[in-house]
Amino acid sequence: MPLYALCDLLIREAEVYRSAFQKEKELTDRALKLAETGKPKSNWELQRLV
């Protein structure tokens, strides 16, 4: 396999990993945001809402 083809393959592989990492990060951020909004509120937090 020529060197330029190997380099091209490695670049594509890195792009796939970066894309997968970004998607995983977005899912994690969304899950954390949902968990934060669904978290029970303390009495102090509820009193501030009134």
Protein backbone atom coordinates (compact mmCIF):
# COMPACT_ATOMS: atom_id res chain seq x y z
CA MET A 1 0.00 0.00 0.00
CA PRO A 2 1.48 3.37 -0.98
CA LEU A 3 2.32 5.79 1.81
CA TYR A 4 -0.14 8.47 0.62
CA ALA A 5 -3.00 5.94 0.69
CA LEU A 6 -2.08 4.93 4.22
CA CYS A 7 -1.98 8.57 5.34
CA ASP A 8 -5.37 9.19 3.73
CA LEU A 9 -6.79 6.16 5.51
CA LEU A 10 -5.43 7.35 8.87
CA ILE A 11 -6.89 10.82 8.33
CA ARG A 12 -10.32 9.36 7.55
CA GLU A 13 -10.12 7.12 10.61
CA ALA A 14 -9.30 10.11 12.82
CA GLU A 15 -12.27 12.02 11.38
CA VAL A 16 -14.61 9.11 12.14
CA TYR A 17 -13.36 8.91 15.73
CA ARG A 18 -13.69 12.68 16.18
CA SER A 19 -17.23 12.63 14.81
CA ALA A 20 -18.21 9.71 17.05
CA PHE A 21 -16.69 11.45 20.07
CA GLN A 22 -18.61 14.65 19.32
CA LYS A 23 -21.91 12.76 19.01
CA GLU A 24 -21.22 10.90 22.25
CA LYS A 25 -20.41 14.18 24.00
CA GLU A 26 -23.67 15.74 22.78
CA LEU A 27 -25.65 12.74 24.08
CA THR A 28 -23.90 12.91 27.43
CA ASP A 29 -24.51 16.66 27.71
CA ARG A 30 -28.20 16.14 26.91
CA ALA A 31 -28.51 13.34 29.47
CA LEU A 32 -26.85 15.47 32.15
CA LYS A 33 -29.14 18.40 31.37
CA LEU A 34 -32.22 16.16 31.61
CA ALA A 35 -30.98 14.67 34.88
CA GLU A 36 -30.39 18.16 36.27
CA THR A 37 -33.88 19.41 35.38
CA GLY A 38 -35.51 16.28 36.79
CA LYS A 39 -33.60 16.48 40.07
CA PRO A 40 -35.80 16.99 43.16
CA LYS A 41 -35.64 20.50 44.60
CA SER A 42 -34.75 21.26 48.19
CA ASN A 43 -37.09 23.23 50.45
CA TRP A 44 -34.86 26.30 50.10
CA GLU A 45 -35.07 26.19 46.32
CA LEU A 46 -38.85 25.76 46.45
CA GLN A 47 -39.24 28.72 48.82
CA ARG A 48 -37.32 30.96 46.40
CA LEU A 49 -39.76 30.03 43.64
CA VAL A 50 -42.75 31.31 45.63
